[in-house]
Amino acid sequence: MNSPVAVLDASALLAYLQGEPGAERVAEVLVLGAAISSVNWAETLTKLAERGQDPEAVATRAIEVY
């Protein structure tokens, strides 16, 4: 496996998932290969749950896509 070109934090991944400003840039680095720490991944899923989204569905979709 190659080294990631970027390391994402929760706010960057949330921007991407919710189509917020900066989503295009995050999409670019995801295609090139990005990483996220387990703490930031957990924060992302927690924030999505707080906003009424199913974190398990998001995690499953992310695994299938990437």
PDB file of N, CA and C in Angstrom:
ATOM      1  N   MET A   1       0.837  -1.171   0.000  1.00  0.00           N
ATOM      2  CA  MET A   1       0.000   0.000   0.000  1.00  0.00           C
ATOM      3  C   MET A   1       0.886   1.240   0.000  1.00  0.00           C
ATOM      4  N   ASN A   2       0.529   2.215  -0.807  1.00  0.00           N
ATOM      5  CA  ASN A   2       1.287   3.458  -0.879  1.00  0.00           C
ATOM      6  C   ASN A   2       0.988   4.359   0.308  1.00  0.00           C
ATOM      7  N   SER A   3       1.902   5.252   0.588  1.00  0.00           N
ATOM      8  CA  SER A   3       1.673   6.229   1.648  1.00  0.00           C
ATOM      9  C   SER A   3       0.585   7.210   1.223  1.00  0.00           C
ATOM     10  N   PRO A   4      -0.234   7.663   2.158  1.00  0.00           N
ATOM     11  CA  PRO A   4      -1.286   8.620   1.807  1.00  0.00           C
ATOM     12  C   PRO A   4      -0.692   9.960   1.391  1.00  0.00           C
ATOM     13  N   VAL A   5      -1.403  10.646   0.498  1.00  0.00           N
ATOM     14  CA  VAL A   5      -0.961  11.986   0.087  1.00  0.00           C
ATOM     15  C   VAL A   5      -1.475  13.048   1.043  1.00  0.00           C
ATOM     16  N   ALA A   6      -2.458  12.683   1.876  1.00  0.00           N
ATOM     17  CA  ALA A   6      -3.023  13.621   2.849  1.00  0.00           C
ATOM     18  C   ALA A   6      -3.590  12.825   4.016  1.00  0.00           C
ATOM     19  N   VAL A   7      -3.672  13.485   5.149  1.00  0.00           N
ATOM     20  CA  VAL A   7      -4.332  12.921   6.317  1.00  0.00           C
ATOM     21  C   VAL A   7      -5.495  13.850   6.637  1.00  0.00           C
ATOM     22  N   LEU A   8      -6.704  13.294   6.619  1.00  0.00           N
ATOM     23  CA  LEU A   8      -7.908  14.089   6.825  1.00  0.00           C
ATOM     24  C   LEU A   8      -8.274  14.174   8.295  1.00  0.00           C
ATOM     25  N   ASP A   9      -8.876  15.283   8.665  1.00  0.00           N
ATOM     26  CA  ASP A   9      -9.488  15.359   9.981  1.00  0.00           C
ATOM     27  C   ASP A   9     -11.001  15.247   9.800  1.00  0.00           C
ATOM     28  N   ALA A  10     -11.719  15.195  10.900  1.00  0.00           N
ATOM     29  CA  ALA A  10     -13.165  14.987  10.843  1.00  0.00           C
ATOM     30  C   ALA A  10     -13.867  16.092  10.067  1.00  0.00           C
ATOM     31  N   SER A  11     -13.458  17.331  10.251  1.00  0.00           N
ATOM     32  CA  SER A  11     -14.148  18.438   9.573  1.00  0.00           C
ATOM     33  C   SER A  11     -13.997  18.349   8.060  1.00  0.00           C
ATOM     34  N   ALA A  12     -12.854  17.900   7.586  1.00  0.00           N
ATOM     35  CA  ALA A  12     -12.657  17.752   6.140  1.00  0.00           C
ATOM     36  C   ALA A  12     -13.549  16.647   5.590  1.00  0.00           C
ATOM     37  N   LEU A  13     -13.602  15.521   6.270  1.00  0.00           N
ATOM     38  CA  LEU A  13     -14.429  14.424   5.782  1.00  0.00           C
ATOM     39  C   LEU A  13     -15.915  14.789   5.861  1.00  0.00           C
ATOM     40  N   LEU A  14     -16.313  15.471   6.916  1.00  0.00           N
ATOM     41  CA  LEU A  14     -17.708  15.916   7.018  1.00  0.00           C
ATOM     42  C   LEU A  14     -18.063  16.885   5.899  1.00  0.00           C
ATOM     43  N   ALA A  15     -17.151  17.790   5.571  1.00  0.00           N
ATOM     44  CA  ALA A  15     -17.396  18.721   4.465  1.00  0.00           C
ATOM     45  C   ALA A  15     -17.630  17.950   3.177  1.00  0.00           C
ATOM     46  N   TYR A  16     -16.833  16.933   2.943  1.00  0.00           N
ATOM     47  CA  TYR A  16     -16.975  16.118   1.745  1.00  0.00           C
ATOM     48  C   TYR A  16     -18.315  15.379   1.748  1.00  0.00           C
ATOM     49  N   LEU A  17     -18.623  14.723   2.851  1.00  0.00           N
ATOM     50  CA  LEU A  17     -19.831  13.907   2.925  1.00  0.00           C
ATOM     51  C   LEU A  17     -21.105  14.726   2.812  1.00  0.00           C
ATOM     52  N   GLN A  18     -21.036  15.995   3.231  1.00  0.00           N
ATOM     53  CA  GLN A  18     -22.235  16.824   3.247  1.00  0.00           C
ATOM     54  C   GLN A  18     -22.234  17.904   2.169  1.00  0.00           C
ATOM     55  N   GLY A  19     -21.290  17.828   1.252  1.00  0.00           N
ATOM     56  CA  GLY A  19     -21.259  18.773   0.146  1.00  0.00           C
ATOM     57  C   GLY A  19     -21.016  20.207   0.556  1.00  0.00           C
ATOM     58  N   GLU A  20     -20.246  20.388   1.602  1.00  0.00           N
ATOM     59  CA  GLU A  20     -19.945  21.721   2.116  1.00  0.00           C
ATOM     60  C   GLU A  20     -18.733  22.311   1.390  1.00  0.00           C
ATOM     61  N   PRO A  21     -18.475  23.608   1.603  1.00  0.00           N
ATOM     62  CA  PRO A  21     -17.282  24.207   0.984  1.00  0.00           C
ATOM     63  C   PRO A  21     -16.029  23.393   1.312  1.00  0.00           C
ATOM     64  N   GLY A  22     -15.221  23.179   0.303  1.00  0.00           N
ATOM     65  CA  GLY A  22     -14.008  22.386   0.453  1.00  0.00           C
ATOM     66  C   GLY A  22     -14.192  20.935   0.044  1.00  0.00           C
ATOM     67  N   ALA A  23     -15.426  20.525  -0.213  1.00  0.00           N
ATOM     68  CA  ALA A  23     -15.698  19.133  -0.566  1.00  0.00           C
ATOM     69  C   ALA A  23     -14.938  18.702  -1.816  1.00  0.00           C
ATOM     70  N   GLU A  24     -14.812  19.621  -2.775  1.00  0.00           N
ATOM     71  CA  GLU A  24     -14.115  19.275  -4.020  1.00  0.00           C
ATOM     72  C   GLU A  24     -12.650  18.946  -3.759  1.00  0.00           C
ATOM     73  N   ARG A  25     -12.032  19.713  -2.899  1.00  0.00           N
ATOM     74  CA  ARG A  25     -10.614  19.476  -2.584  1.00  0.00           C
ATOM     75  C   ARG A  25     -10.437  18.150  -1.862  1.00  0.00           C
ATOM     76  N   VAL A  26     -11.344  17.851  -0.945  1.00  0.00           N
ATOM     77  CA  VAL A  26     -11.271  16.573  -0.236  1.00  0.00           C
ATOM     78  C   VAL A  26     -11.452  15.424  -1.221  1.00  0.00           C
ATOM     79  N   ALA A  27     -12.376  15.565  -2.159  1.00  0.00           N
ATOM     80  CA  ALA A  27     -12.591  14.535  -3.175  1.00  0.00           C
ATOM     81  C   ALA A  27     -11.312  14.284  -3.966  1.00  0.00           C
ATOM     82  N   GLU A  28     -10.589  15.339  -4.282  1.00  0.00           N
ATOM     83  CA  GLU A  28      -9.333  15.198  -5.027  1.00  0.00           C
ATOM     84  C   GLU A  28      -8.325  14.351  -4.269  1.00  0.00           C
ATOM     85  N   VAL A  29      -8.169  14.621  -2.975  1.00  0.00           N
ATOM     86  CA  VAL A  29      -7.173  13.855  -2.218  1.00  0.00           C
ATOM     87  C   VAL A  29      -7.654  12.441  -1.912  1.00  0.00           C
ATOM     88  N   LEU A  30      -8.961  12.243  -1.823  1.00  0.00           N
ATOM     89  CA  LEU A  30      -9.467  10.889  -1.631  1.00  0.00           C
ATOM     90  C   LEU A  30      -9.108  10.004  -2.820  1.00  0.00           C
ATOM     91  N   VAL A  31      -9.221  10.559  -4.004  1.00  0.00           N
ATOM     92  CA  VAL A  31      -8.880   9.798  -5.209  1.00  0.00           C
ATOM     93  C   VAL A  31      -7.388   9.456  -5.230  1.00  0.00           C
ATOM     94  N   LEU A  32      -6.574  10.382  -4.768  1.00  0.00           N
ATOM     95  CA  LEU A  32      -5.124  10.178  -4.774  1.00  0.00           C
ATOM     96  C   LEU A  32      -4.660   9.260  -3.644  1.00  0.00           C
ATOM     97  N   GLY A  33      -5.441   9.180  -2.590  1.00  0.00           N
ATOM     98  CA  GLY A  33      -5.106   8.339  -1.451  1.00  0.00           C
ATOM     99  C   GLY A  33      -4.954   9.157  -0.186  1.00  0.00           C
ATOM    100  N   ALA A  34      -5.928   9.082   0.667  1.00  0.00           N
ATOM    101  CA  ALA A  34      -5.909   9.827   1.921  1.00  0.00           C
ATOM    102  C   ALA A  34      -6.101   8.866   3.089  1.00  0.00           C
ATOM    103  N   ALA A  35      -5.736   9.323   4.254  1.00  0.00           N
ATOM    104  CA  ALA A  35      -5.899   8.538   5.478  1.00  0.00           C
ATOM    105  C   ALA A  35      -6.657   9.381   6.494  1.00  0.00           C
ATOM    106  N   ILE A  36      -7.223   8.707   7.489  1.00  0.00           N
ATOM    107  CA  ILE A  36      -7.867   9.398   8.599  1.00  0.00           C
ATOM    108  C   ILE A  36      -7.587   8.576   9.851  1.00  0.00           C
ATOM    109  N   SER A  37      -7.330   9.257  10.955  1.00  0.00           N
ATOM    110  CA  SER A  37      -7.057   8.529  12.199  1.00  0.00           C
ATOM    111  C   SER A  37      -8.353   7.943  12.740  1.00  0.00           C
ATOM    112  N   SER A  38      -8.217   6.954  13.583  1.00  0.00           N
ATOM    113  CA  SER A  38      -9.403   6.327  14.173  1.00  0.00           C
ATOM    114  C   SER A  38     -10.190   7.329  15.020  1.00  0.00           C
ATOM    115  N   VAL A  39      -9.507   8.241  15.669  1.00  0.00           N
ATOM    116  CA  VAL A  39     -10.182   9.257  16.484  1.00  0.00           C
ATOM    117  C   VAL A  39     -11.008  10.180  15.596  1.00  0.00           C
ATOM    118  N   ASN A  40     -10.434  10.630  14.479  1.00  0.00           N
ATOM    119  CA  ASN A  40     -11.179  11.495  13.569  1.00  0.00           C
ATOM    120  C   ASN A  40     -12.309  10.748  12.879  1.00  0.00           C
ATOM    121  N   TRP A  41     -12.104   9.475  12.562  1.00  0.00           N
ATOM    122  CA  TRP A  41     -13.161   8.660  11.974  1.00  0.00           C
ATOM    123  C   TRP A  41     -14.324   8.536  12.960  1.00  0.00           C
ATOM    124  N   ALA A  42     -14.014   8.274  14.226  1.00  0.00           N
ATOM    125  CA  ALA A  42     -15.053   8.166  15.251  1.00  0.00           C
ATOM    126  C   ALA A  42     -15.798   9.494  15.419  1.00  0.00           C
ATOM    127  N   GLU A  43     -15.073  10.587  15.389  1.00  0.00           N
ATOM    128  CA  GLU A  43     -15.713  11.903  15.495  1.00  0.00           C
ATOM    129  C   GLU A  43     -16.644  12.145  14.306  1.00  0.00           C
ATOM    130  N   THR A  44     -16.209  11.757  13.118  1.00  0.00           N
ATOM    131  CA  THR A  44     -17.040  11.915  11.924  1.00  0.00           C
ATOM    132  C   THR A  44     -18.344  11.140  12.084  1.00  0.00           C
ATOM    133  N   LEU A  45     -18.246   9.892  12.493  1.00  0.00           N
ATOM    134  CA  LEU A  45     -19.447   9.076  12.658  1.00  0.00           C
ATOM    135  C   LEU A  45     -20.348   9.604  13.768  1.00  0.00           C
ATOM    136  N   THR A  46     -19.760  10.113  14.842  1.00  0.00           N
ATOM    137  CA  THR A  46     -20.538  10.685  15.935  1.00  0.00           C
ATOM    138  C   THR A  46     -21.297  11.918  15.468  1.00  0.00           C
ATOM    139  N   LYS A  47     -20.625  12.796  14.750  1.00  0.00           N
ATOM    140  CA  LYS A  47     -21.279  14.015  14.247  1.00  0.00           C
ATOM    141  C   LYS A  47     -22.416  13.660  13.284  1.00  0.00           C
ATOM    142  N   LEU A  48     -22.200  12.676  12.440  1.00  0.00           N
ATOM    143  CA  LEU A  48     -23.260  12.266  11.523  1.00  0.00           C
ATOM    144  C   LEU A  48     -24.464  11.720  12.293  1.00  0.00           C
ATOM    145  N   ALA A  49     -24.207  10.937  13.334  1.00  0.00           N
ATOM    146  CA  ALA A  49     -25.294  10.404  14.157  1.00  0.00           C
ATOM    147  C   ALA A  49     -26.051  11.530  14.842  1.00  0.00           C
ATOM    148  N   GLU A  50     -25.332  12.524  15.321  1.00  0.00           N
ATOM    149  CA  GLU A  50     -25.976  13.672  15.965  1.00  0.00           C
ATOM    150  C   GLU A  50     -26.865  14.437  14.985  1.00  0.00           C
ATOM    151  N   ARG A  51     -26.534  14.363  13.700  1.00  0.00           N
ATOM    152  CA  ARG A  51     -27.302  15.049  12.657  1.00  0.00           C
ATOM    153  C   ARG A  51     -28.366  14.143  12.045  1.00  0.00           C
ATOM    154  N   GLY A  52     -28.600  12.989  12.668  1.00  0.00           N
ATOM    155  CA  GLY A  52     -29.679  12.116  12.244  1.00  0.00           C
ATOM    156  C   GLY A  52     -29.333  11.107  11.170  1.00  0.00           C
ATOM    157  N   GLN A  53     -28.053  10.986  10.825  1.00  0.00           N
ATOM    158  CA  GLN A  53     -27.655  10.008   9.823  1.00  0.00           C
ATOM    159  C   GLN A  53     -27.232   8.714  10.503  1.00  0.00           C
ATOM    160  N   ASP A  54     -27.315   7.636   9.766  1.00  0.00           N
ATOM    161  CA  ASP A  54     -26.942   6.324  10.286  1.00  0.00           C
ATOM    162  C   ASP A  54     -25.437   6.122  10.098  1.00  0.00           C
ATOM    163  N   PRO A  55     -24.655   6.188  11.173  1.00  0.00           N
ATOM    164  CA  PRO A  55     -23.199   6.057  11.033  1.00  0.00           C
ATOM    165  C   PRO A  55     -22.773   4.708  10.466  1.00  0.00           C
ATOM    166  N   GLU A  56     -23.520   3.646  10.760  1.00  0.00           N
ATOM    167  CA  GLU A  56     -23.155   2.334  10.222  1.00  0.00           C
ATOM    168  C   GLU A  56     -23.314   2.314   8.702  1.00  0.00           C
ATOM    169  N   ALA A  57     -24.361   2.942   8.199  1.00  0.00           N
ATOM    170  CA  ALA A  57     -24.568   3.001   6.750  1.00  0.00           C
ATOM    171  C   ALA A  57     -23.462   3.815   6.078  1.00  0.00           C
ATOM    172  N   VAL A  58     -23.066   4.915   6.716  1.00  0.00           N
ATOM    173  CA  VAL A  58     -21.990   5.747   6.165  1.00  0.00           C
ATOM    174  C   VAL A  58     -20.688   4.966   6.147  1.00  0.00           C
ATOM    175  N   ALA A  59     -20.389   4.260   7.234  1.00  0.00           N
ATOM    176  CA  ALA A  59     -19.152   3.485   7.310  1.00  0.00           C
ATOM    177  C   ALA A  59     -19.136   2.392   6.249  1.00  0.00           C
ATOM    178  N   THR A  60     -20.254   1.713   6.073  1.00  0.00           N
ATOM    179  CA  THR A  60     -20.346   0.655   5.070  1.00  0.00           C
ATOM    180  C   THR A  60     -20.141   1.223   3.680  1.00  0.00           C
ATOM    181  N   ARG A  61     -20.783   2.347   3.392  1.00  0.00           N
ATOM    182  CA  ARG A  61     -20.652   2.984   2.075  1.00  0.00           C
ATOM    183  C   ARG A  61     -19.207   3.393   1.830  1.00  0.00           C
ATOM    184  N   ALA A  62     -18.550   3.953   2.851  1.00  0.00           N
ATOM    185  CA  ALA A  62     -17.159   4.394   2.715  1.00  0.00           C
ATOM    186  C   ALA A  62     -16.237   3.210   2.419  1.00  0.00           C
ATOM    187  N   ILE A  63     -16.466   2.108   3.079  1.00  0.00           N
ATOM    188  CA  ILE A  63     -15.636   0.926   2.863  1.00  0.00           C
ATOM    189  C   ILE A  63     -15.830   0.387   1.445  1.00  0.00           C
ATOM    190  N   GLU A  64     -17.070   0.395   0.968  1.00  0.00           N
ATOM    191  CA  GLU A  64     -17.360  -0.105  -0.379  1.00  0.00           C
ATOM    192  C   GLU A  64     -16.727   0.779  -1.446  1.00  0.00           C
ATOM    193  N   VAL A  65     -16.737   2.086  -1.215  1.00  0.00           N
ATOM    194  CA  VAL A  65     -16.231   3.032  -2.209  1.00  0.00           C
ATOM    195  C   VAL A  65     -14.706   3.077  -2.193  1.00  0.00           C
ATOM    196  N   TYR A  66     -14.101   3.034  -1.005  1.00  0.00           N
ATOM    197  CA  TYR A  66     -12.661   3.222  -0.911  1.00  0.00           C
ATOM    198  C   TYR A  66     -12.010   1.955  -0.473  1.00  0.00           C
TER     199      TYR A  66
END
